[in-house]
C-alpha atoms as a PDB file:
ATOM      1  CA  MET A   1     -26.885   5.990 -72.804  1.00  0.00           C
ATOM      2  CA  GLN A   2     -28.435   9.010 -71.067  1.00  0.00           C
ATOM      3  CA  GLY A   3     -25.878  11.353 -69.924  1.00  0.00           C
ATOM      4  CA  SER A   4     -27.506  11.371 -66.415  1.00  0.00           C
ATOM      5  CA  VAL A   5     -26.897   7.432 -65.826  1.00  0.00           C
ATOM      6  CA  LEU A   6     -23.404   6.482 -67.732  1.00  0.00           C
ATOM      7  CA  GLY A   7     -23.424   8.291 -71.318  1.00  0.00           C
ATOM      8  CA  VAL A   8     -22.378   5.491 -73.058  1.00  0.00           C
ATOM      9  CA  ALA A   9     -22.669   4.540 -76.754  1.00  0.00           C
ATOM     10  CA  ALA A  10     -25.496   2.456 -77.958  1.00  0.00           C
ATOM     11  CA  GLN A  11     -23.141  -0.637 -78.720  1.00  0.00           C
ATOM     12  CA  THR A  12     -22.157  -0.665 -74.959  1.00  0.00           C
ATOM     13  CA  ALA A  13     -25.278  -0.120 -73.426  1.00  0.00           C
ATOM     14  CA  GLY A  14     -26.495  -2.879 -75.661  1.00  0.00           C
ATOM     15  CA  SER A  15     -23.826  -5.238 -74.218  1.00  0.00           C
ATOM     16  CA  LEU A  16     -24.800  -4.358 -70.903  1.00  0.00           C
ATOM     17  CA  VAL A  17     -28.287  -6.164 -71.325  1.00  0.00           C
ATOM     18  CA  SER A  18     -26.587  -9.381 -71.337  1.00  0.00           C
ATOM     19  CA  VAL A  19     -25.110  -8.734 -67.755  1.00  0.00           C
ATOM     20  CA  TYR A  20     -28.941  -8.093 -66.652  1.00  0.00           C
ATOM     21  CA  TRP A  21     -29.457 -11.739 -68.142  1.00  0.00           C
ATOM     22  CA  GLY A  22     -26.395 -13.376 -66.580  1.00  0.00           C
ATOM     23  CA  LEU A  23     -27.689 -12.079 -63.264  1.00  0.00           C
ATOM     24  CA  ALA A  24     -30.996 -13.202 -63.868  1.00  0.00           C
ATOM     25  CA  MET A  25     -29.431 -16.905 -64.435  1.00  0.00           C
ATOM     26  CA  ALA A  26     -27.525 -16.621 -61.838  1.00  0.00           C
ATOM     27  CA  GLY A  27     -30.441 -15.386 -59.893  1.00  0.00           C
ATOM     28  CA  ARG A  28     -32.260 -18.442 -60.844  1.00  0.00           C
ATOM     29  CA  PHE A  29     -29.688 -21.006 -59.669  1.00  0.00           C
ATOM     30  CA  CYS A  30     -28.975 -18.990 -56.460  1.00  0.00           C
ATOM     31  CA  GLY A  31     -33.211 -18.813 -55.898  1.00  0.00           C
ATOM     32  CA  ALA A  32     -33.653 -22.784 -56.496  1.00  0.00           C
ATOM     33  CA  ALA A  33     -31.029 -23.368 -53.878  1.00  0.00           C
ATOM     34  CA  VAL A  34     -32.645 -20.980 -51.546  1.00  0.00           C
ATOM     35  CA  LEU A  35     -35.685 -22.292 -51.816  1.00  0.00           C
ATOM     36  CA  ARG A  36     -35.265 -25.625 -50.683  1.00  0.00           C
ATOM     37  CA  ARG A  37     -34.658 -24.283 -47.232  1.00  0.00           C
ATOM     38  CA  ILE A  38     -36.413 -21.026 -46.925  1.00  0.00           C
ATOM     39  CA  ALA A  39     -40.315 -20.453 -47.254  1.00  0.00           C
ATOM     40  CA  PRO A  40     -41.199 -19.613 -50.715  1.00  0.00           C
ATOM     41  CA  GLY A  41     -43.581 -16.790 -49.778  1.00  0.00           C
ATOM     42  CA  ALA A  42     -40.341 -15.470 -47.578  1.00  0.00           C
ATOM     43  CA  VAL A  43     -38.122 -15.786 -50.579  1.00  0.00           C
ATOM     44  CA  LEU A  44     -40.583 -13.994 -52.754  1.00  0.00           C
ATOM     45  CA  ALA A  45     -41.187 -11.126 -50.508  1.00  0.00           C
ATOM     46  CA  ALA A  46     -37.530 -10.616 -49.970  1.00  0.00           C
ATOM     47  CA  CYS A  47     -36.542 -10.810 -53.702  1.00  0.00           C
ATOM     48  CA  ALA A  48     -39.595  -8.378 -54.365  1.00  0.00           C
ATOM     49  CA  ALA A  49     -38.501  -5.983 -51.738  1.00  0.00           C
ATOM     50  CA  ALA A  50     -34.501  -6.020 -52.826  1.00  0.00           C
ATOM     51  CA  SER A  51     -35.965  -5.245 -56.404  1.00  0.00           C
ATOM     52  CA  CYS A  52     -38.253  -2.442 -55.264  1.00  0.00           C
ATOM     53  CA  CYS A  53     -35.487  -0.704 -53.429  1.00  0.00           C
ATOM     54  CA  LEU A  54     -33.138  -1.203 -56.464  1.00  0.00           C
ATOM     55  CA  ALA A  55     -35.644   0.447 -58.843  1.00  0.00           C
ATOM     56  CA  ALA A  56     -36.556   3.147 -56.486  1.00  0.00           C
ATOM     57  CA  THR A  57     -32.464   3.701 -55.965  1.00  0.00           C
ATOM     58  CA  THR A  58     -32.060   3.498 -59.674  1.00  0.00           C
ATOM     59  CA  GLY A  59     -34.981   6.231 -60.165  1.00  0.00           C
ATOM     60  CA  PHE A  60     -33.121   8.789 -57.796  1.00  0.00           C
ATOM     61  CA  CYS A  61     -29.479   8.179 -58.342  1.00  0.00           C
ATOM     62  CA  SER A  62     -27.166   8.786 -61.564  1.00  0.00           C
ATOM     63  CA  GLY A  63     -24.107   7.382 -62.952  1.00  0.00           C
ATOM     64  CA  ILE A  64     -22.717   4.170 -62.195  1.00  0.00           C
ATOM     65  CA  THR A  65     -24.965   3.322 -58.972  1.00  0.00           C
ATOM     66  CA  ALA A  66     -27.898   3.919 -61.441  1.00  0.00           C
ATOM     67  CA  ALA A  67     -26.559   1.511 -63.946  1.00  0.00           C
ATOM     68  CA  VAL A  68     -25.646  -0.986 -61.129  1.00  0.00           C
ATOM     69  CA  THR A  69     -28.784  -1.147 -59.573  1.00  0.00           C
ATOM     70  CA  ILE A  70     -30.802  -1.351 -62.725  1.00  0.00           C
ATOM     71  CA  LEU A  71     -28.851  -4.494 -63.728  1.00  0.00           C
ATOM     72  CA  ALA A  72     -29.132  -5.954 -60.413  1.00  0.00           C
ATOM     73  CA  ILE A  73     -32.773  -6.128 -60.581  1.00  0.00           C
ATOM     74  CA  GLY A  74     -32.290  -9.140 -62.896  1.00  0.00           C
ATOM     75  CA  LEU A  75     -30.672 -11.230 -59.926  1.00  0.00           C
ATOM     76  CA  PHE A  76     -34.106 -10.790 -57.794  1.00  0.00           C
ATOM     77  CA  ASN A  77     -36.444 -11.030 -60.852  1.00  0.00           C
ATOM     78  CA  SER A  78     -35.880 -14.086 -62.160  1.00  0.00           C
ATOM     79  CA  ILE A  79     -36.920 -16.341 -59.034  1.00  0.00           C
ATOM     80  CA  MET A  80     -40.210 -14.163 -58.751  1.00  0.00           C
ATOM     81  CA  PHE A  81     -42.403 -15.468 -61.883  1.00  0.00           C
ATOM     82  CA  PRO A  82     -41.943 -19.194 -61.131  1.00  0.00           C
ATOM     83  CA  THR A  83     -42.543 -18.567 -57.493  1.00  0.00           C
ATOM     84  CA  ILE A  84     -45.984 -16.404 -57.972  1.00  0.00           C
ATOM     85  CA  PHE A  85     -47.283 -18.767 -59.946  1.00  0.00           C
ATOM     86  CA  THR A  86     -46.461 -22.019 -57.576  1.00  0.00           C
ATOM     87  CA  LEU A  87     -47.547 -20.044 -54.593  1.00  0.00           C
ATOM     88  CA  ALA A  88     -50.804 -19.236 -56.140  1.00  0.00           C
ATOM     89  CA  ILE A  89     -51.686 -22.473 -57.550  1.00  0.00           C
ATOM     90  CA  GLY A  90     -50.537 -24.562 -54.742  1.00  0.00           C
ATOM     91  CA  THR A  91     -52.842 -22.535 -52.167  1.00  0.00           C
ATOM     92  CA  LEU A  92     -55.675 -22.978 -54.285  1.00  0.00           C
ATOM     93  CA  ARG A  93     -57.707 -26.471 -53.532  1.00  0.00           C
ATOM     94  CA  GLU A  94     -60.852 -26.155 -55.401  1.00  0.00           C
ATOM     95  CA  ASP A  95     -59.804 -25.869 -59.339  1.00  0.00           C
ATOM     96  CA  PRO A  96     -55.800 -25.363 -59.914  1.00  0.00           C
ATOM     97  CA  ALA A  97     -56.489 -25.626 -63.714  1.00  0.00           C
ATOM     98  CA  GLU A  98     -58.882 -22.766 -63.532  1.00  0.00           C
ATOM     99  CA  ALA A  99     -56.528 -20.877 -61.459  1.00  0.00           C
ATOM    100  CA  SER A 100     -53.685 -21.856 -63.744  1.00  0.00           C
ATOM    101  CA  GLY A 101     -55.590 -20.272 -66.866  1.00  0.00           C
ATOM    102  CA  LEU A 102     -56.514 -17.186 -64.792  1.00  0.00           C
ATOM    103  CA  LEU A 103     -52.607 -16.416 -63.767  1.00  0.00           C
ATOM    104  CA  CYS A 104     -51.630 -16.680 -67.476  1.00  0.00           C
ATOM    105  CA  LEU A 105     -54.253 -14.094 -68.533  1.00  0.00           C
ATOM    106  CA  ALA A 106     -52.771 -11.906 -65.463  1.00  0.00           C
ATOM    107  CA  ILE A 107     -49.672 -11.720 -67.142  1.00  0.00           C
ATOM    108  CA  VAL A 108     -50.959  -9.135 -69.402  1.00  0.00           C
ATOM    109  CA  GLY A 109     -49.991  -6.772 -66.440  1.00  0.00           C
ATOM    110  CA  GLY A 110     -46.685  -7.402 -67.767  1.00  0.00           C
ATOM    111  CA  ALA A 111     -47.595  -5.842 -71.064  1.00  0.00           C
ATOM    112  CA  LEU A 112     -49.520  -2.855 -69.482  1.00  0.00           C
ATOM    113  CA  VAL A 113     -46.823  -1.901 -66.540  1.00  0.00           C
ATOM    114  CA  PRO A 114     -44.205  -1.249 -69.416  1.00  0.00           C
ATOM    115  CA  LEU A 115     -46.501   0.835 -71.289  1.00  0.00           C
ATOM    116  CA  LEU A 116     -47.580   2.998 -68.093  1.00  0.00           C
ATOM    117  CA  THR A 117     -43.724   3.082 -67.406  1.00  0.00           C
ATOM    118  CA  GLY A 118     -43.155   4.661 -70.501  1.00  0.00           C
ATOM    119  CA  VAL A 119     -45.923   7.061 -70.485  1.00  0.00           C
ATOM    120  CA  MET A 120     -44.819   8.226 -66.976  1.00  0.00           C
ATOM    121  CA  ALA A 121     -41.011   8.642 -68.382  1.00  0.00           C
ATOM    122  CA  ASP A 122     -42.325  10.409 -71.158  1.00  0.00           C
ATOM    123  CA  ARG A 123     -44.376  12.902 -68.916  1.00  0.00           C
ATOM    124  CA  PHE A 124     -42.053  13.112 -65.900  1.00  0.00           C
ATOM    125  CA  GLY A 125     -38.489  11.447 -66.740  1.00  0.00           C
ATOM    126  CA  LEU A 126     -37.164   8.241 -66.469  1.00  0.00           C
ATOM    127  CA  GLY A 127     -36.274   8.161 -62.972  1.00  0.00           C
ATOM    128  CA  HIS A 128     -39.832   8.921 -61.616  1.00  0.00           C
ATOM    129  CA  ALA A 129     -41.138   6.458 -63.861  1.00  0.00           C
ATOM    130  CA  LEU A 130     -39.111   3.582 -62.312  1.00  0.00           C
ATOM    131  CA  LEU A 131     -41.706   4.370 -59.441  1.00  0.00           C
ATOM    132  CA  VAL A 132     -44.047   2.482 -61.615  1.00  0.00           C
ATOM    133  CA  PRO A 133     -42.570  -0.821 -61.139  1.00  0.00           C
ATOM    134  CA  ALA A 134     -41.544  -0.153 -57.521  1.00  0.00           C
ATOM    135  CA  ALA A 135     -45.190   0.130 -56.926  1.00  0.00           C
ATOM    136  CA  CYS A 136     -45.659  -3.601 -58.417  1.00  0.00           C
ATOM    137  CA  TYR A 137     -42.832  -4.916 -56.191  1.00  0.00           C
ATOM    138  CA  VAL A 138     -44.730  -3.600 -53.220  1.00  0.00           C
ATOM    139  CA  TRP A 139     -47.611  -5.455 -54.232  1.00  0.00           C
ATOM    140  CA  ILE A 140     -45.483  -8.615 -54.664  1.00  0.00           C
ATOM    141  CA  VAL A 141     -44.081  -8.369 -51.200  1.00  0.00           C
ATOM    142  CA  ALA A 142     -47.490  -8.189 -50.127  1.00  0.00           C
ATOM    143  CA  PHE A 143     -48.332 -11.391 -51.932  1.00  0.00           C
ATOM    144  CA  GLY A 144     -45.432 -13.286 -50.787  1.00  0.00           C
ATOM    145  CA  LEU A 145     -46.143 -12.454 -47.141  1.00  0.00           C
ATOM    146  CA  SER A 146     -49.892 -13.085 -47.259  1.00  0.00           C
ATOM    147  CA  THR A 147     -48.818 -16.783 -48.090  1.00  0.00           C
ATOM    148  CA  LEU A 148     -46.421 -17.423 -45.246  1.00  0.00           C
ATOM    149  CA  GLY A 149     -48.106 -19.609 -42.733  1.00  0.00           C
ATOM    150  CA  LYS A 150     -51.082 -20.769 -44.781  1.00  0.00           C
ATOM    151  CA  ARG A 151     -51.932 -24.358 -45.317  1.00  0.00           C
ATOM    152  CA  GLY A 152     -52.848 -25.649 -48.794  1.00  0.00           C
ATOM    153  CA  ARG A 153     -51.329 -27.817 -51.062  1.00  0.00           C
ATOM    154  CA  ARG A 154     -47.948 -28.205 -51.130  1.00  0.00           C
ATOM    155  CA  PRO A 155     -46.488 -26.015 -54.026  1.00  0.00           C
ATOM    156  CA  GLY A 156     -45.416 -28.473 -57.077  1.00  0.00           C
ATOM    157  CA  ALA A 157     -47.959 -31.277 -55.823  1.00  0.00           C
ATOM    158  CA  LEU A 158     -49.939 -32.880 -58.193  1.00  0.00           C
ATOM    159  CA  PRO A 159     -53.906 -32.649 -57.455  1.00  0.00           C
ATOM    160  CA  LEU A 160     -54.088 -36.330 -56.960  1.00  0.00           C
ATOM    161  CA  ASP A 161     -50.977 -36.359 -54.303  1.00  0.00           C
ATOM    162  CA  PRO A 162     -52.583 -37.159 -50.727  1.00  0.00           C
ATOM    163  CA  ALA A 163     -49.437 -35.817 -49.368  1.00  0.00           C
ATOM    164  CA  GLY A 164     -49.750 -32.474 -51.036  1.00  0.00           C
ATOM    165  CA  ALA A 165     -53.604 -32.312 -50.792  1.00  0.00           C
END
């Protein structure tokens, strides 16, 4: 709705949210297909890097470029959460149940990051505030890359599955 982005009416801006979620759904299907052929850590790192670039582009651009790049983030975001969860659980041998619980508690970051982004938007403007999620995406890239080449349980394997142990 901001003049520096598209300057559209609230109803039009609201309808664009469905574009984000539509891209997220497409990303989930594409990601599932890609994950059959490419290592999950590499897919995660690539999706997070793409989202980081898109968030930064949105922050430093305006008009249709800013609108398209912010909406395109949905395409890449959709595969990250399940991949992060599976990679984190799959690389832990000791107690995957406890690790699963800790990961669920870590989701609180999903509540804190938007709050911090909002504070930054109020102080420095919306464009600069998008550097907050961009920094988070850099962290996710590092996690994805850190899982490459690690030997551990096969993602998705049950703890009692000898092939996955």
